[in-house]
């Protein structure tokens, strides 16, 4: 009997949910409420890819070999250091008769649940990937459960662009939920995927002042050209004092979209009393955030961006279609 949350696919240890499992059963045969996807491309989580690239000194062959080893040994893509995975696109291959997802064979879809809980098998040895970018062309299959989430890919956007957007679509939707008209908002990592979408969402929600924080002048130029922020600041988000100074007057909402650890204290310092910090980064230490806020006597609400907000996929794709600066930044990343 299958479980709607995938308990039947857990190999070890018994009794945990798929995300916490050390290994999943990725066999292609599906249960009555499962869906099998013929995989076309993975999108690795930014923090995970950065960790792998830095570990191997940018050697793409070694990165590719480790990703293959992770998938082969775990039956899923879950970086053992960062704990994060990513998501994928592919074509629906088979649908169980009791699946509630509304998918049909032939649909091209993006999975909106993490690869850390998605049974996955790769059959081509990642031969088409050079190991130097987050997007991983591949062949294989993945399994969706009854409680999984997937979106049919839009016809009007390149599939690589749609994959990049849908990988981070929870960030702008949560930003839109948190930001109130007239609020001031700072986004750390403002020129990145989730950061640029979050800036656009803040403006659409009526933010009176937006600050995009980036680590270099090169990214600052890109963000200024995109026109997504009222003020662009260059600062190392890992330096709390420098970050707070760069942001200036503390803001009502700070959204953390960086893929490096150590940014918790700076985000808290940059946020006004009674404000909100949204941690939308898998590199976040939530212990550091909680203890840091206590140590700074900071009266802030801290939210964990879990990647799912109802309607998040449609909202993010709409931003890319309607905000030229966002689309320009995304397409620039794909070109690189």
C-alpha atoms as a PDB file:
ATOM      1  CA  UNK A   1       0.000   0.000   0.000  1.00  0.00           C
ATOM      2  CA  UNK A   2       1.300   3.445  -0.878  1.00  0.00           C
ATOM      3  CA  UNK A   3       1.529   6.442   1.418  1.00  0.00           C
ATOM      4  CA  UNK A   4       0.444   9.882   0.108  1.00  0.00           C
ATOM      5  CA  UNK A   5       3.630  11.383   1.591  1.00  0.00           C
ATOM      6  CA  UNK A   6       5.916   8.630   0.299  1.00  0.00           C
ATOM      7  CA  UNK A   7       6.628   6.589   3.438  1.00  0.00           C
ATOM      8  CA  UNK A   8       6.580   3.405   1.347  1.00  0.00           C
ATOM      9  CA  UNK A   9       9.574   4.681  -0.642  1.00  0.00           C
ATOM     10  CA  UNK A  10      11.803   5.097   2.422  1.00  0.00           C
ATOM     11  CA  UNK A  11      14.507   2.409   2.587  1.00  0.00           C
ATOM     12  CA  UNK A  12      16.523   3.660   5.560  1.00  0.00           C
ATOM     13  CA  UNK A  13      15.978   4.570   8.290  1.00  0.00           C
ATOM     14  CA  UNK A  14      12.495   3.164   8.728  1.00  0.00           C
ATOM     15  CA  UNK A  15       9.730   5.427   9.956  1.00  0.00           C
ATOM     16  CA  UNK A  16      11.017   8.809   8.728  1.00  0.00           C
ATOM     17  CA  UNK A  17       9.611  10.992   5.987  1.00  0.00           C
ATOM     18  CA  UNK A  18      11.355  10.882   2.564  1.00  0.00           C
ATOM     19  CA  UNK A  19      13.174  14.175   3.102  1.00  0.00           C
ATOM     20  CA  UNK A  20      14.837  12.861   6.271  1.00  0.00           C
ATOM     21  CA  UNK A  21      15.643   9.450   4.784  1.00  0.00           C
ATOM     22  CA  UNK A  22      19.186   8.350   4.031  1.00  0.00           C
ATOM     23  CA  UNK A  23      17.993   6.360   1.046  1.00  0.00           C
ATOM     24  CA  UNK A  24      14.822   6.151  -1.041  1.00  0.00           C
ATOM     25  CA  UNK A  25      13.501   3.408  -3.298  1.00  0.00           C
ATOM     26  CA  UNK A  26      13.610   4.926  -6.782  1.00  0.00           C
ATOM     27  CA  UNK A  27      12.293   1.915  -8.709  1.00  0.00           C
ATOM     28  CA  UNK A  28      10.305   2.995 -11.802  1.00  0.00           C
ATOM     29  CA  UNK A  29       7.190   0.930 -11.050  1.00  0.00           C
ATOM     30  CA  UNK A  30       4.523   3.230  -9.616  1.00  0.00           C
ATOM     31  CA  UNK A  31       1.769   2.781  -7.067  1.00  0.00           C
ATOM     32  CA  UNK A  32      -1.865   3.657  -7.645  1.00  0.00           C
ATOM     33  CA  UNK A  33      -1.476   7.275  -6.508  1.00  0.00           C
ATOM     34  CA  UNK A  34       2.033   7.962  -7.866  1.00  0.00           C
ATOM     35  CA  UNK A  35       3.300   9.631 -11.040  1.00  0.00           C
ATOM     36  CA  UNK A  36       6.503   8.795 -12.925  1.00  0.00           C
ATOM     37  CA  UNK A  37       8.358  11.608 -14.673  1.00  0.00           C
ATOM     38  CA  UNK A  38      10.859  11.112 -17.503  1.00  0.00           C
ATOM     39  CA  UNK A  39      13.502  13.575 -16.329  1.00  0.00           C
ATOM     40  CA  UNK A  40      14.905  16.176 -18.721  1.00  0.00           C
ATOM     41  CA  UNK A  41      16.820  18.579 -16.476  1.00  0.00           C
ATOM     42  CA  UNK A  42      17.639  19.091 -12.803  1.00  0.00           C
ATOM     43  CA  UNK A  43      18.092  22.478 -11.177  1.00  0.00           C
ATOM     44  CA  UNK A  44      20.429  22.152  -8.203  1.00  0.00           C
ATOM     45  CA  UNK A  45      19.816  24.357  -5.184  1.00  0.00           C
ATOM     46  CA  UNK A  46      22.192  27.344  -5.275  1.00  0.00           C
ATOM     47  CA  UNK A  47      23.709  26.658  -1.848  1.00  0.00           C
ATOM     48  CA  UNK A  48      24.274  23.015  -2.767  1.00  0.00           C
ATOM     49  CA  UNK A  49      25.937  23.801  -6.085  1.00  0.00           C
ATOM     50  CA  UNK A  50      28.156  26.453  -4.514  1.00  0.00           C
ATOM     51  CA  UNK A  51      29.299  23.993  -1.836  1.00  0.00           C
ATOM     52  CA  UNK A  52      30.104  21.306  -4.402  1.00  0.00           C
ATOM     53  CA  UNK A  53      31.900  23.735  -6.730  1.00  0.00           C
ATOM     54  CA  UNK A  54      34.014  25.160  -3.896  1.00  0.00           C
ATOM     55  CA  UNK A  55      34.804  21.709  -2.516  1.00  0.00           C
ATOM     56  CA  UNK A  56      36.184  20.607  -5.882  1.00  0.00           C
ATOM     57  CA  UNK A  57      37.833  23.895  -6.832  1.00  0.00           C
ATOM     58  CA  UNK A  58      35.533  24.401  -9.802  1.00  0.00           C
ATOM     59  CA  UNK A  59      36.492  21.039 -11.349  1.00  0.00           C
ATOM     60  CA  UNK A  60      33.316  20.175 -13.263  1.00  0.00           C
ATOM     61  CA  UNK A  61      34.218  16.509 -13.702  1.00  0.00           C
ATOM     62  CA  UNK A  62      34.552  16.050  -9.948  1.00  0.00           C
ATOM     63  CA  UNK A  63      31.308  17.919  -9.286  1.00  0.00           C
ATOM     64  CA  UNK A  64      29.497  15.735 -11.796  1.00  0.00           C
ATOM     65  CA  UNK A  65      30.965  12.579 -10.267  1.00  0.00           C
ATOM     66  CA  UNK A  66      29.832  13.572  -6.769  1.00  0.00           C
ATOM     67  CA  UNK A  67      26.299  14.434  -7.905  1.00  0.00           C
ATOM     68  CA  UNK A  68      26.106  11.038  -9.601  1.00  0.00           C
ATOM     69  CA  UNK A  69      27.347   9.337  -6.443  1.00  0.00           C
ATOM     70  CA  UNK A  70      24.793  11.156  -4.286  1.00  0.00           C
ATOM     71  CA  UNK A  71      21.887  10.209  -6.533  1.00  0.00           C
ATOM     72  CA  UNK A  72      23.085   6.633  -6.924  1.00  0.00           C
ATOM     73  CA  UNK A  73      23.643   6.023  -3.224  1.00  0.00           C
ATOM     74  CA  UNK A  74      20.630   7.909  -1.857  1.00  0.00           C
ATOM     75  CA  UNK A  75      17.977   7.392  -4.535  1.00  0.00           C
ATOM     76  CA  UNK A  76      17.456  11.172  -4.516  1.00  0.00           C
ATOM     77  CA  UNK A  77      19.517  14.364  -4.874  1.00  0.00           C
ATOM     78  CA  UNK A  78      20.294  15.645  -1.394  1.00  0.00           C
ATOM     79  CA  UNK A  79      23.629  17.288  -0.713  1.00  0.00           C
ATOM     80  CA  UNK A  80      24.881  15.726   2.545  1.00  0.00           C
ATOM     81  CA  UNK A  81      26.586  18.986   3.585  1.00  0.00           C
ATOM     82  CA  UNK A  82      23.880  21.562   2.870  1.00  0.00           C
ATOM     83  CA  UNK A  83      20.942  19.164   3.175  1.00  0.00           C
ATOM     84  CA  UNK A  84      19.368  20.783   0.110  1.00  0.00           C
ATOM     85  CA  UNK A  85      18.505  19.503  -3.344  1.00  0.00           C
ATOM     86  CA  UNK A  86      16.675  21.517  -5.997  1.00  0.00           C
ATOM     87  CA  UNK A  87      13.935  20.537  -8.422  1.00  0.00           C
ATOM     88  CA  UNK A  88      13.475  19.185 -11.954  1.00  0.00           C
ATOM     89  CA  UNK A  89      11.564  19.354 -15.206  1.00  0.00           C
ATOM     90  CA  UNK A  90      10.483  16.458 -17.377  1.00  0.00           C
ATOM     91  CA  UNK A  91       7.582  14.765 -19.122  1.00  0.00           C
ATOM     92  CA  UNK A  92       4.883  12.778 -17.381  1.00  0.00           C
ATOM     93  CA  UNK A  93       5.453   9.155 -18.345  1.00  0.00           C
ATOM     94  CA  UNK A  94       2.817   7.272 -16.359  1.00  0.00           C
ATOM     95  CA  UNK A  95       0.041   8.277 -13.961  1.00  0.00           C
ATOM     96  CA  UNK A  96      -1.470   5.975 -11.355  1.00  0.00           C
ATOM     97  CA  UNK A  97      -5.289   5.727 -11.467  1.00  0.00           C
ATOM     98  CA  UNK A  98      -5.658   7.256  -8.001  1.00  0.00           C
ATOM     99  CA  UNK A  99      -3.233  10.170  -8.410  1.00  0.00           C
ATOM    100  CA  UNK A 100      -4.830  13.471  -7.305  1.00  0.00           C
ATOM    101  CA  UNK A 101      -2.282  15.709  -9.088  1.00  0.00           C
ATOM    102  CA  UNK A 102      -4.314  16.236 -12.250  1.00  0.00           C
ATOM    103  CA  UNK A 103      -1.438  15.297 -14.551  1.00  0.00           C
ATOM    104  CA  UNK A 104      -1.620  13.199 -17.694  1.00  0.00           C
ATOM    105  CA  UNK A 105       0.988  11.380 -19.788  1.00  0.00           C
ATOM    106  CA  UNK A 106       2.771  13.786 -22.103  1.00  0.00           C
ATOM    107  CA  UNK A 107       2.510  16.818 -19.831  1.00  0.00           C
ATOM    108  CA  UNK A 108       5.806  18.701 -19.521  1.00  0.00           C
ATOM    109  CA  UNK A 109       6.071  19.651 -15.880  1.00  0.00           C
ATOM    110  CA  UNK A 110       8.279  21.170 -13.230  1.00  0.00           C
ATOM    111  CA  UNK A 111       8.253  19.521  -9.839  1.00  0.00           C
ATOM    112  CA  UNK A 112       7.637  22.078  -7.113  1.00  0.00           C
ATOM    113  CA  UNK A 113       8.842  19.826  -4.314  1.00  0.00           C
ATOM    114  CA  UNK A 114      12.467  19.395  -3.360  1.00  0.00           C
ATOM    115  CA  UNK A 115      14.743  16.784  -4.871  1.00  0.00           C
ATOM    116  CA  UNK A 116      15.621  15.936  -1.257  1.00  0.00           C
ATOM    117  CA  UNK A 117      12.368  13.975  -1.022  1.00  0.00           C
ATOM    118  CA  UNK A 118      11.864  12.942  -4.656  1.00  0.00           C
ATOM    119  CA  UNK A 119      12.853   9.376  -5.651  1.00  0.00           C
ATOM    120  CA  UNK A 120      15.273   9.854  -8.549  1.00  0.00           C
ATOM    121  CA  UNK A 121      17.360   7.658 -10.834  1.00  0.00           C
ATOM    122  CA  UNK A 122      19.754   8.835 -13.557  1.00  0.00           C
ATOM    123  CA  UNK A 123      20.487   6.603 -16.552  1.00  0.00           C
ATOM    124  CA  UNK A 124      22.885   8.629 -18.718  1.00  0.00           C
ATOM    125  CA  UNK A 125      25.728   9.257 -16.270  1.00  0.00           C
ATOM    126  CA  UNK A 126      25.027  13.022 -16.606  1.00  0.00           C
ATOM    127  CA  UNK A 127      26.995  12.859 -19.853  1.00  0.00           C
ATOM    128  CA  UNK A 128      25.478  16.107 -21.125  1.00  0.00           C
ATOM    129  CA  UNK A 129      26.499  18.182 -18.090  1.00  0.00           C
ATOM    130  CA  UNK A 130      29.897  19.818 -17.635  1.00  0.00           C
ATOM    131  CA  UNK A 131      29.452  20.206 -13.871  1.00  0.00           C
ATOM    132  CA  UNK A 132      29.856  23.998 -14.046  1.00  0.00           C
ATOM    133  CA  UNK A 133      26.285  25.222 -13.701  1.00  0.00           C
ATOM    134  CA  UNK A 134      23.216  24.687 -11.553  1.00  0.00           C
ATOM    135  CA  UNK A 135      21.106  23.306 -14.413  1.00  0.00           C
ATOM    136  CA  UNK A 136      21.833  19.655 -15.136  1.00  0.00           C
ATOM    137  CA  UNK A 137      20.587  18.090 -18.389  1.00  0.00           C
ATOM    138  CA  UNK A 138      20.048  14.393 -17.819  1.00  0.00           C
ATOM    139  CA  UNK A 139      17.993  11.298 -18.556  1.00  0.00           C
ATOM    140  CA  UNK A 140      16.286   9.185 -15.929  1.00  0.00           C
ATOM    141  CA  UNK A 141      13.070   9.088 -13.971  1.00  0.00           C
ATOM    142  CA  UNK A 142      11.557  10.580 -10.838  1.00  0.00           C
ATOM    143  CA  UNK A 143       8.509   9.681  -8.761  1.00  0.00           C
ATOM    144  CA  UNK A 144       5.861  12.048  -7.413  1.00  0.00           C
ATOM    145  CA  UNK A 145       3.611  11.155  -4.482  1.00  0.00           C
ATOM    146  CA  UNK A 146      -0.031  12.050  -3.906  1.00  0.00           C
ATOM    147  CA  UNK A 147       1.054  15.001  -1.719  1.00  0.00           C
ATOM    148  CA  UNK A 148       3.645  16.256  -4.226  1.00  0.00           C
ATOM    149  CA  UNK A 149       3.247  19.505  -6.166  1.00  0.00           C
ATOM    150  CA  UNK A 150       3.968  20.015  -9.866  1.00  0.00           C
ATOM    151  CA  UNK A 151       3.216  22.671 -12.473  1.00  0.00           C
ATOM    152  CA  UNK A 152       2.689  22.185 -16.186  1.00  0.00           C
ATOM    153  CA  UNK A 153       5.353  24.202 -18.010  1.00  0.00           C
ATOM    154  CA  UNK A 154       4.074  27.283 -19.852  1.00  0.00           C
ATOM    155  CA  UNK A 155       4.224  27.320 -23.630  1.00  0.00           C
ATOM    156  CA  UNK A 156       5.422  30.932 -23.876  1.00  0.00           C
ATOM    157  CA  UNK A 157       8.684  30.601 -21.934  1.00  0.00           C
ATOM    158  CA  UNK A 158      11.876  28.699 -22.692  1.00  0.00           C
ATOM    159  CA  UNK A 159      11.973  25.586 -20.516  1.00  0.00           C
ATOM    160  CA  UNK A 160      15.340  26.558 -18.999  1.00  0.00           C
ATOM    161  CA  UNK A 161      13.945  29.949 -18.025  1.00  0.00           C
ATOM    162  CA  UNK A 162      10.798  28.402 -16.569  1.00  0.00           C
ATOM    163  CA  UNK A 163      12.881  25.910 -14.582  1.00  0.00           C
ATOM    164  CA  UNK A 164      15.054  28.664 -13.125  1.00  0.00           C
ATOM    165  CA  UNK A 165      11.979  30.691 -12.130  1.00  0.00           C
ATOM    166  CA  UNK A 166      10.002  27.813 -10.669  1.00  0.00           C
ATOM    167  CA  UNK A 167      13.017  26.695  -8.644  1.00  0.00           C
ATOM    168  CA  UNK A 168      12.636  29.801  -6.454  1.00  0.00           C
ATOM    169  CA  UNK A 169       8.962  30.666  -6.905  1.00  0.00           C
ATOM    170  CA  UNK A 170       8.234  30.442  -3.184  1.00  0.00           C
ATOM    171  CA  UNK A 171      10.367  33.529  -2.457  1.00  0.00           C
ATOM    172  CA  UNK A 172       8.357  36.208  -4.288  1.00  0.00           C
ATOM    173  CA  UNK A 173       5.037  34.738  -3.164  1.00  0.00           C
ATOM    174  CA  UNK A 174       6.075  34.819   0.493  1.00  0.00           C
ATOM    175  CA  UNK A 175       7.526  38.314   0.070  1.00  0.00           C
ATOM    176  CA  UNK A 176       4.210  39.482  -1.367  1.00  0.00           C
ATOM    177  CA  UNK A 177       2.394  37.985   1.603  1.00  0.00           C
ATOM    178  CA  UNK A 178       4.642  39.734   4.137  1.00  0.00           C
ATOM    179  CA  UNK A 179       5.142  43.194   2.589  1.00  0.00           C
ATOM    180  CA  UNK A 180       2.476  45.798   3.314  1.00  0.00           C
ATOM    181  CA  UNK A 181       1.874  49.021   1.340  1.00  0.00           C
ATOM    182  CA  UNK A 182       4.306  51.716   2.410  1.00  0.00           C
ATOM    183  CA  UNK A 183       6.838  49.264   3.873  1.00  0.00           C
ATOM    184  CA  UNK A 184      10.581  49.496   3.414  1.00  0.00           C
ATOM    185  CA  UNK A 185      12.231  46.298   2.173  1.00  0.00           C
ATOM    186  CA  UNK A 186      15.820  45.080   1.853  1.00  0.00           C
ATOM    187  CA  UNK A 187      16.705  42.000  -0.176  1.00  0.00           C
ATOM    188  CA  UNK A 188      20.095  40.380   0.394  1.00  0.00           C
ATOM    189  CA  UNK A 189      21.247  38.819  -2.852  1.00  0.00           C
ATOM    190  CA  UNK A 190      19.043  41.176  -4.844  1.00  0.00           C
ATOM    191  CA  UNK A 191      20.569  40.380  -8.242  1.00  0.00           C
ATOM    192  CA  UNK A 192      20.055  36.628  -7.905  1.00  0.00           C
ATOM    193  CA  UNK A 193      17.078  34.526  -8.932  1.00  0.00           C
ATOM    194  CA  UNK A 194      15.033  34.596  -5.756  1.00  0.00           C
ATOM    195  CA  UNK A 195      16.332  38.057  -4.858  1.00  0.00           C
ATOM    196  CA  UNK A 196      15.275  39.763  -8.088  1.00  0.00           C
ATOM    197  CA  UNK A 197      11.836  38.165  -7.935  1.00  0.00           C
ATOM    198  CA  UNK A 198      11.473  39.232  -4.303  1.00  0.00           C
ATOM    199  CA  UNK A 199      12.338  42.842  -5.147  1.00  0.00           C
ATOM    200  CA  UNK A 200       9.738  42.831  -7.910  1.00  0.00           C
ATOM    201  CA  UNK A 201       7.173  41.295  -5.551  1.00  0.00           C
ATOM    202  CA  UNK A 202       7.898  43.913  -2.880  1.00  0.00           C
ATOM    203  CA  UNK A 203       7.282  46.730  -5.331  1.00  0.00           C
ATOM    204  CA  UNK A 204       4.103  45.112  -6.614  1.00  0.00           C
ATOM    205  CA  UNK A 205       2.893  44.852  -3.016  1.00  0.00           C
ATOM    206  CA  UNK A 206       3.331  48.588  -2.518  1.00  0.00           C
ATOM    207  CA  UNK A 207       6.732  48.896  -0.854  1.00  0.00           C
ATOM    208  CA  UNK A 208       7.708  52.535  -0.471  1.00  0.00           C
ATOM    209  CA  UNK A 209      11.470  51.877  -0.412  1.00  0.00           C
ATOM    210  CA  UNK A 210      13.408  48.900  -1.726  1.00  0.00           C
ATOM    211  CA  UNK A 211      17.088  48.167  -1.157  1.00  0.00           C
ATOM    212  CA  UNK A 212      18.935  45.497  -3.103  1.00  0.00           C
ATOM    213  CA  UNK A 213      22.136  44.299  -1.449  1.00  0.00           C
ATOM    214  CA  UNK A 214      24.770  42.592  -3.591  1.00  0.00           C
ATOM    215  CA  UNK A 215      28.369  41.478  -2.910  1.00  0.00           C
ATOM    216  CA  UNK A 216      30.154  43.155  -5.821  1.00  0.00           C
ATOM    217  CA  UNK A 217      30.124  46.175  -8.098  1.00  0.00           C
ATOM    218  CA  UNK A 218      29.525  43.879 -11.072  1.00  0.00           C
ATOM    219  CA  UNK A 219      26.262  42.612  -9.571  1.00  0.00           C
ATOM    220  CA  UNK A 220      25.381  46.148  -8.500  1.00  0.00           C
ATOM    221  CA  UNK A 221      25.630  47.293 -12.118  1.00  0.00           C
ATOM    222  CA  UNK A 222      23.341  44.482 -13.231  1.00  0.00           C
ATOM    223  CA  UNK A 223      20.770  45.291 -10.572  1.00  0.00           C
ATOM    224  CA  UNK A 224      20.848  49.027 -11.278  1.00  0.00           C
ATOM    225  CA  UNK A 225      20.367  48.312 -14.966  1.00  0.00           C
ATOM    226  CA  UNK A 226      17.377  46.092 -14.142  1.00  0.00           C
ATOM    227  CA  UNK A 227      15.790  48.936 -12.198  1.00  0.00           C
ATOM    228  CA  UNK A 228      14.309  46.692  -9.517  1.00  0.00           C
ATOM    229  CA  UNK A 229      15.534  48.555  -6.417  1.00  0.00           C
ATOM    230  CA  UNK A 230      15.356  52.184  -5.306  1.00  0.00           C
ATOM    231  CA  UNK A 231      18.818  51.822  -3.797  1.00  0.00           C
ATOM    232  CA  UNK A 232      21.537  49.293  -4.615  1.00  0.00           C
ATOM    233  CA  UNK A 233      24.103  48.647  -1.886  1.00  0.00           C
ATOM    234  CA  UNK A 234      27.366  46.724  -2.136  1.00  0.00           C
ATOM    235  CA  UNK A 235      28.194  44.879   1.068  1.00  0.00           C
ATOM    236  CA  UNK A 236      29.319  41.526   2.385  1.00  0.00           C
ATOM    237  CA  UNK A 237      26.156  40.122   3.956  1.00  0.00           C
ATOM    238  CA  UNK A 238      28.349  38.119   6.344  1.00  0.00           C
ATOM    239  CA  UNK A 239      29.620  41.367   7.942  1.00  0.00           C
ATOM    240  CA  UNK A 240      26.735  42.513  10.196  1.00  0.00           C
ATOM    241  CA  UNK A 241      27.975  46.049  10.814  1.00  0.00           C
ATOM    242  CA  UNK A 242      28.886  46.699   7.166  1.00  0.00           C
ATOM    243  CA  UNK A 243      25.573  45.286   5.986  1.00  0.00           C
ATOM    244  CA  UNK A 244      23.493  47.385   8.363  1.00  0.00           C
ATOM    245  CA  UNK A 245      25.442  50.492   7.346  1.00  0.00           C
ATOM    246  CA  UNK A 246      24.917  49.756   3.662  1.00  0.00           C
ATOM    247  CA  UNK A 247      21.165  49.331   4.104  1.00  0.00           C
ATOM    248  CA  UNK A 248      20.950  52.573   6.077  1.00  0.00           C
ATOM    249  CA  UNK A 249      17.743  53.247   7.991  1.00  0.00           C
ATOM    250  CA  UNK A 250      16.506  49.879   9.294  1.00  0.00           C
ATOM    251  CA  UNK A 251      13.789  48.388   7.096  1.00  0.00           C
ATOM    252  CA  UNK A 252      10.440  46.842   7.879  1.00  0.00           C
ATOM    253  CA  UNK A 253      11.175  43.632   5.978  1.00  0.00           C
ATOM    254  CA  UNK A 254      14.490  41.955   5.176  1.00  0.00           C
ATOM    255  CA  UNK A 255      14.514  39.028   2.750  1.00  0.00           C
ATOM    256  CA  UNK A 256      17.626  36.833   2.797  1.00  0.00           C
ATOM    257  CA  UNK A 257      18.258  35.255  -0.610  1.00  0.00           C
ATOM    258  CA  UNK A 258      21.983  34.530  -0.418  1.00  0.00           C
ATOM    259  CA  UNK A 259      23.599  31.131  -0.900  1.00  0.00           C
ATOM    260  CA  UNK A 260      26.389  31.506   1.670  1.00  0.00           C
ATOM    261  CA  UNK A 261      26.238  30.956   5.456  1.00  0.00           C
ATOM    262  CA  UNK A 262      26.785  33.621   8.093  1.00  0.00           C
ATOM    263  CA  UNK A 263      24.262  36.261   7.013  1.00  0.00           C
ATOM    264  CA  UNK A 264      21.811  35.896   9.890  1.00  0.00           C
ATOM    265  CA  UNK A 265      23.113  38.624  12.227  1.00  0.00           C
ATOM    266  CA  UNK A 266      23.439  41.245   9.518  1.00  0.00           C
ATOM    267  CA  UNK A 267      19.865  40.649   8.376  1.00  0.00           C
ATOM    268  CA  UNK A 268      18.641  41.099  11.950  1.00  0.00           C
ATOM    269  CA  UNK A 269      20.645  44.313  12.452  1.00  0.00           C
ATOM    270  CA  UNK A 270      19.267  45.758   9.218  1.00  0.00           C
ATOM    271  CA  UNK A 271      15.659  45.209  10.334  1.00  0.00           C
ATOM    272  CA  UNK A 272      13.683  47.721  12.375  1.00  0.00           C
ATOM    273  CA  UNK A 273      12.103  46.873  15.722  1.00  0.00           C
ATOM    274  CA  UNK A 274       8.843  45.079  15.089  1.00  0.00           C
ATOM    275  CA  UNK A 275       9.957  44.170  11.579  1.00  0.00           C
ATOM    276  CA  UNK A 276      10.218  40.828   9.811  1.00  0.00           C
ATOM    277  CA  UNK A 277      13.156  38.810   8.497  1.00  0.00           C
ATOM    278  CA  UNK A 278      12.422  36.176   5.870  1.00  0.00           C
ATOM    279  CA  UNK A 279      15.173  33.572   5.527  1.00  0.00           C
ATOM    280  CA  UNK A 280      14.840  32.165   2.049  1.00  0.00           C
ATOM    281  CA  UNK A 281      18.213  30.441   1.882  1.00  0.00           C
ATOM    282  CA  UNK A 282      19.265  26.875   2.511  1.00  0.00           C
ATOM    283  CA  UNK A 283      22.554  28.229   3.862  1.00  0.00           C
ATOM    284  CA  UNK A 284      20.796  29.740   6.890  1.00  0.00           C
ATOM    285  CA  UNK A 285      21.621  28.549  10.406  1.00  0.00           C
ATOM    286  CA  UNK A 286      18.394  28.894  12.290  1.00  0.00           C
ATOM    287  CA  UNK A 287      20.191  28.454  15.599  1.00  0.00           C
ATOM    288  CA  UNK A 288      22.417  31.407  14.705  1.00  0.00           C
ATOM    289  CA  UNK A 289      19.359  33.435  13.742  1.00  0.00           C
ATOM    290  CA  UNK A 290      17.459  32.713  16.937  1.00  0.00           C
ATOM    291  CA  UNK A 291      20.407  33.196  19.260  1.00  0.00           C
ATOM    292  CA  UNK A 292      21.591  36.231  17.337  1.00  0.00           C
ATOM    293  CA  UNK A 293      18.234  37.977  17.654  1.00  0.00           C
ATOM    294  CA  UNK A 294      18.220  37.229  21.365  1.00  0.00           C
ATOM    295  CA  UNK A 295      21.760  38.498  21.824  1.00  0.00           C
ATOM    296  CA  UNK A 296      21.006  41.697  19.925  1.00  0.00           C
ATOM    297  CA  UNK A 297      17.761  42.245  21.865  1.00  0.00           C
ATOM    298  CA  UNK A 298      16.073  42.451  18.473  1.00  0.00           C
ATOM    299  CA  UNK A 299      12.279  42.473  18.444  1.00  0.00           C
ATOM    300  CA  UNK A 300      11.846  40.939  15.005  1.00  0.00           C
ATOM    301  CA  UNK A 301       9.677  38.199  13.602  1.00  0.00           C
ATOM    302  CA  UNK A 302      11.720  35.587  11.744  1.00  0.00           C
ATOM    303  CA  UNK A 303      10.130  33.439   9.047  1.00  0.00           C
ATOM    304  CA  UNK A 304      11.448  30.354   7.300  1.00  0.00           C
ATOM    305  CA  UNK A 305      10.684  30.405   3.586  1.00  0.00           C
ATOM    306  CA  UNK A 306       9.562  26.831   2.980  1.00  0.00           C
ATOM    307  CA  UNK A 307       9.238  27.147  -0.794  1.00  0.00           C
ATOM    308  CA  UNK A 308       5.479  26.640  -0.936  1.00  0.00           C
ATOM    309  CA  UNK A 309       2.762  29.274  -0.983  1.00  0.00           C
ATOM    310  CA  UNK A 310      -0.535  28.592  -2.793  1.00  0.00           C
ATOM    311  CA  UNK A 311      -0.343  30.068  -6.297  1.00  0.00           C
ATOM    312  CA  UNK A 312       3.420  30.607  -6.075  1.00  0.00           C
ATOM    313  CA  UNK A 313       4.272  29.189  -9.510  1.00  0.00           C
ATOM    314  CA  UNK A 314       1.767  31.324 -11.387  1.00  0.00           C
ATOM    315  CA  UNK A 315       2.777  34.434  -9.445  1.00  0.00           C
ATOM    316  CA  UNK A 316       6.506  34.049 -10.179  1.00  0.00           C
ATOM    317  CA  UNK A 317       5.947  33.349 -13.876  1.00  0.00           C
ATOM    318  CA  UNK A 318       3.700  36.409 -14.073  1.00  0.00           C
ATOM    319  CA  UNK A 319       6.475  38.581 -12.630  1.00  0.00           C
ATOM    320  CA  UNK A 320       8.942  37.313 -15.222  1.00  0.00           C
ATOM    321  CA  UNK A 321       6.482  38.014 -18.012  1.00  0.00           C
ATOM    322  CA  UNK A 322       5.539  41.499 -16.806  1.00  0.00           C
ATOM    323  CA  UNK A 323       8.715  42.928 -15.226  1.00  0.00           C
ATOM    324  CA  UNK A 324      11.415  43.356 -17.905  1.00  0.00           C
ATOM    325  CA  UNK A 325      14.221  43.794 -15.376  1.00  0.00           C
ATOM    326  CA  UNK A 326      13.545  40.430 -13.783  1.00  0.00           C
ATOM    327  CA  UNK A 327      13.473  38.631 -17.096  1.00  0.00           C
ATOM    328  CA  UNK A 328      16.683  40.348 -18.188  1.00  0.00           C
ATOM    329  CA  UNK A 329      18.529  39.154 -15.078  1.00  0.00           C
ATOM    330  CA  UNK A 330      17.273  35.595 -15.484  1.00  0.00           C
ATOM    331  CA  UNK A 331      18.149  35.402 -19.154  1.00  0.00           C
ATOM    332  CA  UNK A 332      21.584  36.842 -18.393  1.00  0.00           C
ATOM    333  CA  UNK A 333      22.226  34.068 -15.875  1.00  0.00           C
ATOM    334  CA  UNK A 334      21.158  31.436 -18.403  1.00  0.00           C
ATOM    335  CA  UNK A 335      23.502  32.888 -21.008  1.00  0.00           C
ATOM    336  CA  UNK A 336      26.409  32.709 -18.557  1.00  0.00           C
END
